[in-house]
Amino acid sequence: MRDAHLCEAINDLVEQRLRDAFETGHTINVPNLASEITESLADLIVCSAPSEEQPRLIAHVVAELGRFVKERGEAGVVCAIAVVTARRADVAA
């Protein structure tokens, strides 16, 4: 079952980082932020799954990531990063 509260908490963290970057004029380091989220995911896998199940769980995570990226891309989802980038361009103009 999907834990909506956890998903919301992660999304809130990302959005807050983006808002902070916009308000301060700093650039968000997307690879670094993605690495931090990935590190938390690795902790979850290591702490919750037996070692023999971890490779299968990792494969599932990668497949789900691909599915979510494809779905959102096809749906034309406007992400917070694009909104912040557009706002920064408007402010600079």
PDB file of N, CA and C in Angstrom:
ATOM      1  N   MET A   1       0.837  -1.178   0.000  1.00  0.00           N
ATOM      2  CA  MET A   1       0.000   0.000   0.000  1.00  0.00           C
ATOM      3  C   MET A   1       0.885   1.247   0.000  1.00  0.00           C
ATOM      4  N   ARG A   2       0.456   2.228  -0.752  1.00  0.00           N
ATOM      5  CA  ARG A   2       1.213   3.472  -0.870  1.00  0.00           C
ATOM      6  C   ARG A   2       0.955   4.344   0.346  1.00  0.00           C
ATOM      7  N   ASP A   3       2.003   4.836   0.950  1.00  0.00           N
ATOM      8  CA  ASP A   3       1.876   5.704   2.104  1.00  0.00           C
ATOM      9  C   ASP A   3       1.802   7.139   1.620  1.00  0.00           C
ATOM     10  N   ALA A   4       0.580   7.649   1.519  1.00  0.00           N
ATOM     11  CA  ALA A   4       0.362   8.989   0.981  1.00  0.00           C
ATOM     12  C   ALA A   4       1.038  10.061   1.834  1.00  0.00           C
ATOM     13  N   HIS A   5       1.088   9.849   3.141  1.00  0.00           N
ATOM     14  CA  HIS A   5       1.703  10.843   4.012  1.00  0.00           C
ATOM     15  C   HIS A   5       3.205  10.966   3.745  1.00  0.00           C
ATOM     16  N   LEU A   6       3.868   9.852   3.532  1.00  0.00           N
ATOM     17  CA  LEU A   6       5.292   9.883   3.225  1.00  0.00           C
ATOM     18  C   LEU A   6       5.531  10.579   1.888  1.00  0.00           C
ATOM     19  N   CYS A   7       4.715  10.231   0.894  1.00  0.00           N
ATOM     20  CA  CYS A   7       4.838  10.839  -0.424  1.00  0.00           C
ATOM     21  C   CYS A   7       4.633  12.359  -0.325  1.00  0.00           C
ATOM     22  N   GLU A   8       3.625  12.766   0.424  1.00  0.00           N
ATOM     23  CA  GLU A   8       3.365  14.195   0.612  1.00  0.00           C
ATOM     24  C   GLU A   8       4.527  14.878   1.322  1.00  0.00           C
ATOM     25  N   ALA A   9       5.103  14.208   2.306  1.00  0.00           N
ATOM     26  CA  ALA A   9       6.225  14.796   3.053  1.00  0.00           C
ATOM     27  C   ALA A   9       7.434  15.010   2.145  1.00  0.00           C
ATOM     28  N   ILE A  10       7.718  14.036   1.301  1.00  0.00           N
ATOM     29  CA  ILE A  10       8.843  14.176   0.367  1.00  0.00           C
ATOM     30  C   ILE A  10       8.553  15.294  -0.624  1.00  0.00           C
ATOM     31  N   ASN A  11       7.341  15.325  -1.170  1.00  0.00           N
ATOM     32  CA  ASN A  11       6.974  16.387  -2.110  1.00  0.00           C
ATOM     33  C   ASN A  11       7.051  17.762  -1.443  1.00  0.00           C
ATOM     34  N   ASP A  12       6.599  17.850  -0.188  1.00  0.00           N
ATOM     35  CA  ASP A  12       6.675  19.118   0.541  1.00  0.00           C
ATOM     36  C   ASP A  12       8.130  19.566   0.713  1.00  0.00           C
ATOM     37  N   LEU A  13       9.016  18.616   1.018  1.00  0.00           N
ATOM     38  CA  LEU A  13      10.432  18.933   1.163  1.00  0.00           C
ATOM     39  C   LEU A  13      11.001  19.482  -0.134  1.00  0.00           C
ATOM     40  N   VAL A  14      10.711  18.826  -1.240  1.00  0.00           N
ATOM     41  CA  VAL A  14      11.215  19.273  -2.544  1.00  0.00           C
ATOM     42  C   VAL A  14      10.661  20.657  -2.873  1.00  0.00           C
ATOM     43  N   GLU A  15       9.352  20.845  -2.690  1.00  0.00           N
ATOM     44  CA  GLU A  15       8.744  22.148  -2.980  1.00  0.00           C
ATOM     45  C   GLU A  15       9.322  23.244  -2.097  1.00  0.00           C
ATOM     46  N   GLN A  16       9.586  22.935  -0.822  1.00  0.00           N
ATOM     47  CA  GLN A  16      10.175  23.938   0.071  1.00  0.00           C
ATOM     48  C   GLN A  16      11.571  24.317  -0.396  1.00  0.00           C
ATOM     49  N   ARG A  17      12.363  23.338  -0.814  1.00  0.00           N
ATOM     50  CA  ARG A  17      13.703  23.634  -1.331  1.00  0.00           C
ATOM     51  C   ARG A  17      13.604  24.530  -2.565  1.00  0.00           C
ATOM     52  N   LEU A  18      12.631  24.248  -3.426  1.00  0.00           N
ATOM     53  CA  LEU A  18      12.460  25.055  -4.634  1.00  0.00           C
ATOM     54  C   LEU A  18      12.017  26.472  -4.284  1.00  0.00           C
ATOM     55  N   ARG A  19      11.080  26.603  -3.343  1.00  0.00           N
ATOM     56  CA  ARG A  19      10.638  27.937  -2.906  1.00  0.00           C
ATOM     57  C   ARG A  19      11.802  28.712  -2.309  1.00  0.00           C
ATOM     58  N   ASP A  20      12.577  28.038  -1.461  1.00  0.00           N
ATOM     59  CA  ASP A  20      13.737  28.704  -0.850  1.00  0.00           C
ATOM     60  C   ASP A  20      14.714  29.182  -1.916  1.00  0.00           C
ATOM     61  N   ALA A  21      14.960  28.343  -2.911  1.00  0.00           N
ATOM     62  CA  ALA A  21      15.871  28.714  -3.992  1.00  0.00           C
ATOM     63  C   ALA A  21      15.332  29.915  -4.754  1.00  0.00           C
ATOM     64  N   PHE A  22      14.048  29.915  -5.037  1.00  0.00           N
ATOM     65  CA  PHE A  22      13.445  31.027  -5.762  1.00  0.00           C
ATOM     66  C   PHE A  22      13.535  32.325  -4.952  1.00  0.00           C
ATOM     67  N   GLU A  23      13.192  32.227  -3.671  1.00  0.00           N
ATOM     68  CA  GLU A  23      13.166  33.423  -2.828  1.00  0.00           C
ATOM     69  C   GLU A  23      14.553  34.002  -2.575  1.00  0.00           C
ATOM     70  N   THR A  24      15.564  33.144  -2.533  1.00  0.00           N
ATOM     71  CA  THR A  24      16.925  33.622  -2.263  1.00  0.00           C
ATOM     72  C   THR A  24      17.729  33.865  -3.533  1.00  0.00           C
ATOM     73  N   GLY A  25      17.186  33.422  -4.680  1.00  0.00           N
ATOM     74  CA  GLY A  25      17.899  33.583  -5.932  1.00  0.00           C
ATOM     75  C   GLY A  25      18.958  32.525  -6.173  1.00  0.00           C
ATOM     76  N   HIS A  26      19.002  31.518  -5.313  1.00  0.00           N
ATOM     77  CA  HIS A  26      19.962  30.436  -5.486  1.00  0.00           C
ATOM     78  C   HIS A  26      19.442  29.407  -6.482  1.00  0.00           C
ATOM     79  N   THR A  27      20.363  28.678  -7.055  1.00  0.00           N
ATOM     80  CA  THR A  27      20.016  27.607  -7.982  1.00  0.00           C
ATOM     81  C   THR A  27      19.919  26.307  -7.205  1.00  0.00           C
ATOM     82  N   ILE A  28      18.877  25.542  -7.481  1.00  0.00           N
ATOM     83  CA  ILE A  28      18.726  24.237  -6.820  1.00  0.00           C
ATOM     84  C   ILE A  28      19.637  23.239  -7.519  1.00  0.00           C
ATOM     85  N   ASN A  29      20.332  22.448  -6.751  1.00  0.00           N
ATOM     86  CA  ASN A  29      21.193  21.409  -7.292  1.00  0.00           C
ATOM     87  C   ASN A  29      20.353  20.137  -7.408  1.00  0.00           C
ATOM     88  N   VAL A  30      19.729  19.949  -8.560  1.00  0.00           N
ATOM     89  CA  VAL A  30      18.802  18.844  -8.759  1.00  0.00           C
ATOM     90  C   VAL A  30      19.488  17.489  -8.576  1.00  0.00           C
ATOM     91  N   PRO A  31      20.677  17.272  -9.151  1.00  0.00           N
ATOM     92  CA  PRO A  31      21.326  15.975  -8.914  1.00  0.00           C
ATOM     93  C   PRO A  31      21.594  15.708  -7.427  1.00  0.00           C
ATOM     94  N   ASN A  32      21.984  16.738  -6.690  1.00  0.00           N
ATOM     95  CA  ASN A  32      22.239  16.564  -5.266  1.00  0.00           C
ATOM     96  C   ASN A  32      20.951  16.229  -4.517  1.00  0.00           C
ATOM     97  N   LEU A  33      19.879  16.932  -4.817  1.00  0.00           N
ATOM     98  CA  LEU A  33      18.598  16.665  -4.173  1.00  0.00           C
ATOM     99  C   LEU A  33      18.120  15.258  -4.502  1.00  0.00           C
ATOM    100  N   ALA A  34      18.256  14.854  -5.752  1.00  0.00           N
ATOM    101  CA  ALA A  34      17.871  13.494  -6.146  1.00  0.00           C
ATOM    102  C   ALA A  34      18.724  12.465  -5.412  1.00  0.00           C
ATOM    103  N   SER A  35      19.999  12.756  -5.220  1.00  0.00           N
ATOM    104  CA  SER A  35      20.873  11.845  -4.478  1.00  0.00           C
ATOM    105  C   SER A  35      20.437  11.708  -3.024  1.00  0.00           C
ATOM    106  N   GLU A  36      20.025  12.814  -2.420  1.00  0.00           N
ATOM    107  CA  GLU A  36      19.556  12.761  -1.031  1.00  0.00           C
ATOM    108  C   GLU A  36      18.294  11.910  -0.912  1.00  0.00           C
ATOM    109  N   ILE A  37      17.384  12.072  -1.859  1.00  0.00           N
ATOM    110  CA  ILE A  37      16.163  11.263  -1.850  1.00  0.00           C
ATOM    111  C   ILE A  37      16.503   9.798  -2.080  1.00  0.00           C
ATOM    112  N   THR A  38      17.434   9.540  -2.986  1.00  0.00           N
ATOM    113  CA  THR A  38      17.864   8.174  -3.272  1.00  0.00           C
ATOM    114  C   THR A  38      18.528   7.539  -2.054  1.00  0.00           C
ATOM    115  N   GLU A  39      19.307   8.306  -1.325  1.00  0.00           N
ATOM    116  CA  GLU A  39      19.949   7.790  -0.118  1.00  0.00           C
ATOM    117  C   GLU A  39      18.900   7.353   0.904  1.00  0.00           C
ATOM    118  N   SER A  40      17.853   8.141   1.064  1.00  0.00           N
ATOM    119  CA  SER A  40      16.773   7.771   1.976  1.00  0.00           C
ATOM    120  C   SER A  40      16.075   6.499   1.505  1.00  0.00           C
ATOM    121  N   LEU A  41      15.893   6.375   0.212  1.00  0.00           N
ATOM    122  CA  LEU A  41      15.278   5.174  -0.347  1.00  0.00           C
ATOM    123  C   LEU A  41      16.170   3.956  -0.095  1.00  0.00           C
ATOM    124  N   ALA A  42      17.470   4.121  -0.243  1.00  0.00           N
ATOM    125  CA  ALA A  42      18.404   3.027   0.035  1.00  0.00           C
ATOM    126  C   ALA A  42      18.323   2.601   1.500  1.00  0.00           C
ATOM    127  N   ASP A  43      18.228   3.573   2.398  1.00  0.00           N
ATOM    128  CA  ASP A  43      18.077   3.251   3.816  1.00  0.00           C
ATOM    129  C   ASP A  43      16.804   2.452   4.055  1.00  0.00           C
ATOM    130  N   LEU A  44      15.730   2.860   3.416  1.00  0.00           N
ATOM    131  CA  LEU A  44      14.461   2.147   3.550  1.00  0.00           C
ATOM    132  C   LEU A  44      14.603   0.699   3.097  1.00  0.00           C
ATOM    133  N   ILE A  45      15.238   0.499   1.948  1.00  0.00           N
ATOM    134  CA  ILE A  45      15.407  -0.856   1.404  1.00  0.00           C
ATOM    135  C   ILE A  45      16.272  -1.702   2.328  1.00  0.00           C
ATOM    136  N   VAL A  46      17.399  -1.162   2.763  1.00  0.00           N
ATOM    137  CA  VAL A  46      18.326  -1.923   3.602  1.00  0.00           C
ATOM    138  C   VAL A  46      17.696  -2.243   4.966  1.00  0.00           C
ATOM    139  N   CYS A  47      16.957  -1.292   5.510  1.00  0.00           N
ATOM    140  CA  CYS A  47      16.393  -1.480   6.852  1.00  0.00           C
ATOM    141  C   CYS A  47      15.107  -2.305   6.869  1.00  0.00           C
ATOM    142  N   SER A  48      14.455  -2.442   5.725  1.00  0.00           N
ATOM    143  CA  SER A  48      13.145  -3.098   5.751  1.00  0.00           C
ATOM    144  C   SER A  48      13.052  -4.396   4.963  1.00  0.00           C
ATOM    145  N   ALA A  49      14.029  -4.678   4.125  1.00  0.00           N
ATOM    146  CA  ALA A  49      13.949  -5.886   3.296  1.00  0.00           C
ATOM    147  C   ALA A  49      15.148  -6.792   3.567  1.00  0.00           C
ATOM    148  N   PRO A  50      14.894  -8.090   3.647  1.00  0.00           N
ATOM    149  CA  PRO A  50      16.014  -9.027   3.795  1.00  0.00           C
ATOM    150  C   PRO A  50      16.956  -8.905   2.592  1.00  0.00           C
ATOM    151  N   SER A  51      18.223  -9.158   2.794  1.00  0.00           N
ATOM    152  CA  SER A  51      19.221  -8.958   1.738  1.00  0.00           C
ATOM    153  C   SER A  51      18.895  -9.732   0.471  1.00  0.00           C
ATOM    154  N   GLU A  52      18.297 -10.910   0.591  1.00  0.00           N
ATOM    155  CA  GLU A  52      17.978 -11.680  -0.617  1.00  0.00           C
ATOM    156  C   GLU A  52      16.822 -11.069  -1.412  1.00  0.00           C
ATOM    157  N   GLU A  53      16.018 -10.211  -0.799  1.00  0.00           N
ATOM    158  CA  GLU A  53      14.909  -9.554  -1.499  1.00  0.00           C
ATOM    159  C   GLU A  53      15.280  -8.175  -2.034  1.00  0.00           C
ATOM    160  N   GLN A  54      16.394  -7.617  -1.593  1.00  0.00           N
ATOM    161  CA  GLN A  54      16.773  -6.257  -1.966  1.00  0.00           C
ATOM    162  C   GLN A  54      16.962  -6.059  -3.470  1.00  0.00           C
ATOM    163  N   PRO A  55      17.632  -6.966  -4.200  1.00  0.00           N
ATOM    164  CA  PRO A  55      17.764  -6.749  -5.649  1.00  0.00           C
ATOM    165  C   PRO A  55      16.409  -6.680  -6.368  1.00  0.00           C
ATOM    166  N   ARG A  56      15.477  -7.515  -5.964  1.00  0.00           N
ATOM    167  CA  ARG A  56      14.141  -7.493  -6.582  1.00  0.00           C
ATOM    168  C   ARG A  56      13.425  -6.184  -6.250  1.00  0.00           C
ATOM    169  N   LEU A  57      13.571  -5.721  -5.027  1.00  0.00           N
ATOM    170  CA  LEU A  57      12.949  -4.464  -4.618  1.00  0.00           C
ATOM    171  C   LEU A  57      13.560  -3.278  -5.360  1.00  0.00           C
ATOM    172  N   ILE A  58      14.868  -3.299  -5.535  1.00  0.00           N
ATOM    173  CA  ILE A  58      15.534  -2.231  -6.288  1.00  0.00           C
ATOM    174  C   ILE A  58      15.038  -2.215  -7.731  1.00  0.00           C
ATOM    175  N   ALA A  59      14.909  -3.384  -8.340  1.00  0.00           N
ATOM    176  CA  ALA A  59      14.393  -3.467  -9.713  1.00  0.00           C
ATOM    177  C   ALA A  59      12.968  -2.915  -9.782  1.00  0.00           C
ATOM    178  N   HIS A  60      12.174  -3.212  -8.776  1.00  0.00           N
ATOM    179  CA  HIS A  60      10.799  -2.697  -8.728  1.00  0.00           C
ATOM    180  C   HIS A  60      10.804  -1.169  -8.636  1.00  0.00           C
ATOM    181  N   VAL A  61      11.672  -0.627  -7.796  1.00  0.00           N
ATOM    182  CA  VAL A  61      11.762   0.827  -7.624  1.00  0.00           C
ATOM    183  C   VAL A  61      12.146   1.504  -8.933  1.00  0.00           C
ATOM    184  N   VAL A  62      13.139   0.946  -9.621  1.00  0.00           N
ATOM    185  CA  VAL A  62      13.584   1.530 -10.892  1.00  0.00           C
ATOM    186  C   VAL A  62      12.469   1.459 -11.932  1.00  0.00           C
ATOM    187  N   ALA A  63      11.751   0.344 -11.975  1.00  0.00           N
ATOM    188  CA  ALA A  63      10.634   0.208 -12.920  1.00  0.00           C
ATOM    189  C   ALA A  63       9.531   1.222 -12.604  1.00  0.00           C
ATOM    190  N   GLU A  64       9.222   1.382 -11.334  1.00  0.00           N
ATOM    191  CA  GLU A  64       8.193   2.349 -10.940  1.00  0.00           C
ATOM    192  C   GLU A  64       8.620   3.781 -11.249  1.00  0.00           C
ATOM    193  N   LEU A  65       9.894   4.089 -11.046  1.00  0.00           N
ATOM    194  CA  LEU A  65      10.400   5.415 -11.386  1.00  0.00           C
ATOM    195  C   LEU A  65      10.198   5.686 -12.867  1.00  0.00           C
ATOM    196  N   GLY A  66      10.560   4.726 -13.695  1.00  0.00           N
ATOM    197  CA  GLY A  66      10.360   4.878 -15.136  1.00  0.00           C
ATOM    198  C   GLY A  66       8.899   5.065 -15.493  1.00  0.00           C
ATOM    199  N   ARG A  67       8.032   4.305 -14.844  1.00  0.00           N
ATOM    200  CA  ARG A  67       6.594   4.414 -15.110  1.00  0.00           C
ATOM    201  C   ARG A  67       6.071   5.792 -14.713  1.00  0.00           C
ATOM    202  N   PHE A  68       6.461   6.266 -13.537  1.00  0.00           N
ATOM    203  CA  PHE A  68       5.989   7.579 -13.080  1.00  0.00           C
ATOM    204  C   PHE A  68       6.494   8.707 -13.982  1.00  0.00           C
ATOM    205  N   VAL A  69       7.746   8.636 -14.395  1.00  0.00           N
ATOM    206  CA  VAL A  69       8.292   9.661 -15.292  1.00  0.00           C
ATOM    207  C   VAL A  69       7.521   9.663 -16.610  1.00  0.00           C
ATOM    208  N   LYS A  70       7.271   8.480 -17.154  1.00  0.00           N
ATOM    209  CA  LYS A  70       6.543   8.368 -18.416  1.00  0.00           C
ATOM    210  C   LYS A  70       5.113   8.913 -18.269  1.00  0.00           C
ATOM    211  N   GLU A  71       4.416   8.500 -17.209  1.00  0.00           N
ATOM    212  CA  GLU A  71       3.038   8.967 -16.986  1.00  0.00           C
ATOM    213  C   GLU A  71       2.972  10.477 -16.870  1.00  0.00           C
ATOM    214  N   ARG A  72       3.854  11.041 -16.076  1.00  0.00           N
ATOM    215  CA  ARG A  72       3.817  12.489 -15.860  1.00  0.00           C
ATOM    216  C   ARG A  72       4.208  13.249 -17.126  1.00  0.00           C
ATOM    217  N   GLY A  73       5.161  12.711 -17.862  1.00  0.00           N
ATOM    218  CA  GLY A  73       5.551  13.343 -19.117  1.00  0.00           C
ATOM    219  C   GLY A  73       4.420  13.323 -20.132  1.00  0.00           C
ATOM    220  N   GLU A  74       3.747  12.185 -20.239  1.00  0.00           N
ATOM    221  CA  GLU A  74       2.638  12.076 -21.188  1.00  0.00           C
ATOM    222  C   GLU A  74       1.442  12.915 -20.762  1.00  0.00           C
ATOM    223  N   ALA A  75       1.261  13.090 -19.464  1.00  0.00           N
ATOM    224  CA  ALA A  75       0.134  13.868 -18.955  1.00  0.00           C
ATOM    225  C   ALA A  75       0.409  15.369 -18.992  1.00  0.00           C
ATOM    226  N   GLY A  76       1.635  15.740 -19.321  1.00  0.00           N
ATOM    227  CA  GLY A  76       1.985  17.156 -19.369  1.00  0.00           C
ATOM    228  C   GLY A  76       2.044  17.792 -17.996  1.00  0.00           C
ATOM    229  N   VAL A  77       2.436  17.007 -17.003  1.00  0.00           N
ATOM    230  CA  VAL A  77       2.511  17.514 -15.640  1.00  0.00           C
ATOM    231  C   VAL A  77       3.557  18.621 -15.573  1.00  0.00           C
ATOM    232  N   VAL A  78       3.157  19.750 -15.019  1.00  0.00           N
ATOM    233  CA  VAL A  78       4.083  20.864 -14.827  1.00  0.00           C
ATOM    234  C   VAL A  78       4.650  20.727 -13.429  1.00  0.00           C
ATOM    235  N   CYS A  79       5.927  20.490 -13.356  1.00  0.00           N
ATOM    236  CA  CYS A  79       6.537  20.288 -12.048  1.00  0.00           C
ATOM    237  C   CYS A  79       6.945  21.607 -11.425  1.00  0.00           C
ATOM    238  N   ALA A  80       7.157  21.558 -10.147  1.00  0.00           N
ATOM    239  CA  ALA A  80       7.523  22.758  -9.403  1.00  0.00           C
ATOM    240  C   ALA A  80       8.825  23.347  -9.911  1.00  0.00           C
ATOM    241  N   ILE A  81       9.760  22.522 -10.371  1.00  0.00           N
ATOM    242  CA  ILE A  81      11.032  23.035 -10.874  1.00  0.00           C
ATOM    243  C   ILE A  81      10.797  23.927 -12.086  1.00  0.00           C
ATOM    244  N   ALA A  82       9.915  23.492 -12.996  1.00  0.00           N
ATOM    245  CA  ALA A  82       9.628  24.290 -14.181  1.00  0.00           C
ATOM    246  C   ALA A  82       8.973  25.606 -13.796  1.00  0.00           C
ATOM    247  N   VAL A  83       8.099  25.583 -12.816  1.00  0.00           N
ATOM    248  CA  VAL A  83       7.420  26.802 -12.370  1.00  0.00           C
ATOM    249  C   VAL A  83       8.424  27.767 -11.770  1.00  0.00           C
ATOM    250  N   VAL A  84       9.322  27.268 -10.918  1.00  0.00           N
ATOM    251  CA  VAL A  84      10.325  28.128 -10.293  1.00  0.00           C
ATOM    252  C   VAL A  84      11.250  28.709 -11.350  1.00  0.00           C
ATOM    253  N   THR A  85      11.676  27.896 -12.309  1.00  0.00           N
ATOM    254  CA  THR A  85      12.554  28.371 -13.369  1.00  0.00           C
ATOM    255  C   THR A  85      11.873  29.467 -14.180  1.00  0.00           C
ATOM    256  N   ALA A  86      10.592  29.265 -14.521  1.00  0.00           N
ATOM    257  CA  ALA A  86       9.846  30.264 -15.283  1.00  0.00           C
ATOM    258  C   ALA A  86       9.707  31.556 -14.480  1.00  0.00           C
ATOM    259  N   ARG A  87       9.421  31.439 -13.205  1.00  0.00           N
ATOM    260  CA  ARG A  87       9.275  32.623 -12.356  1.00  0.00           C
ATOM    261  C   ARG A  87      10.591  33.394 -12.274  1.00  0.00           C
ATOM    262  N   ARG A  88      11.690  32.662 -12.143  1.00  0.00           N
ATOM    263  CA  ARG A  88      12.998  33.325 -12.047  1.00  0.00           C
ATOM    264  C   ARG A  88      13.298  34.062 -13.337  1.00  0.00           C
ATOM    265  N   ALA A  89      12.919  33.472 -14.479  1.00  0.00           N
ATOM    266  CA  ALA A  89      13.151  34.118 -15.770  1.00  0.00           C
ATOM    267  C   ALA A  89      12.308  35.386 -15.871  1.00  0.00           C
ATOM    268  N   ASP A  90      11.065  35.336 -15.388  1.00  0.00           N
ATOM    269  CA  ASP A  90      10.190  36.509 -15.416  1.00  0.00           C
ATOM    270  C   ASP A  90      10.727  37.624 -14.534  1.00  0.00           C
ATOM    271  N   VAL A  91      11.225  37.257 -13.369  1.00  0.00           N
ATOM    272  CA  VAL A  91      11.763  38.243 -12.432  1.00  0.00           C
ATOM    273  C   VAL A  91      13.021  38.898 -13.006  1.00  0.00           C
ATOM    274  N   ALA A  92      13.846  38.110 -13.675  1.00  0.00           N
ATOM    275  CA  ALA A  92      15.098  38.622 -14.241  1.00  0.00           C
ATOM    276  C   ALA A  92      14.856  39.558 -15.409  1.00  0.00           C
ATOM    277  N   ALA A  93      13.722  39.384 -16.097  1.00  0.00           N
ATOM    278  CA  ALA A  93      13.430  40.173 -17.296  1.00  0.00           C
ATOM    279  C   ALA A  93      13.004  41.584 -16.983  1.00  0.00           C
TER     280      ALA A  93
END
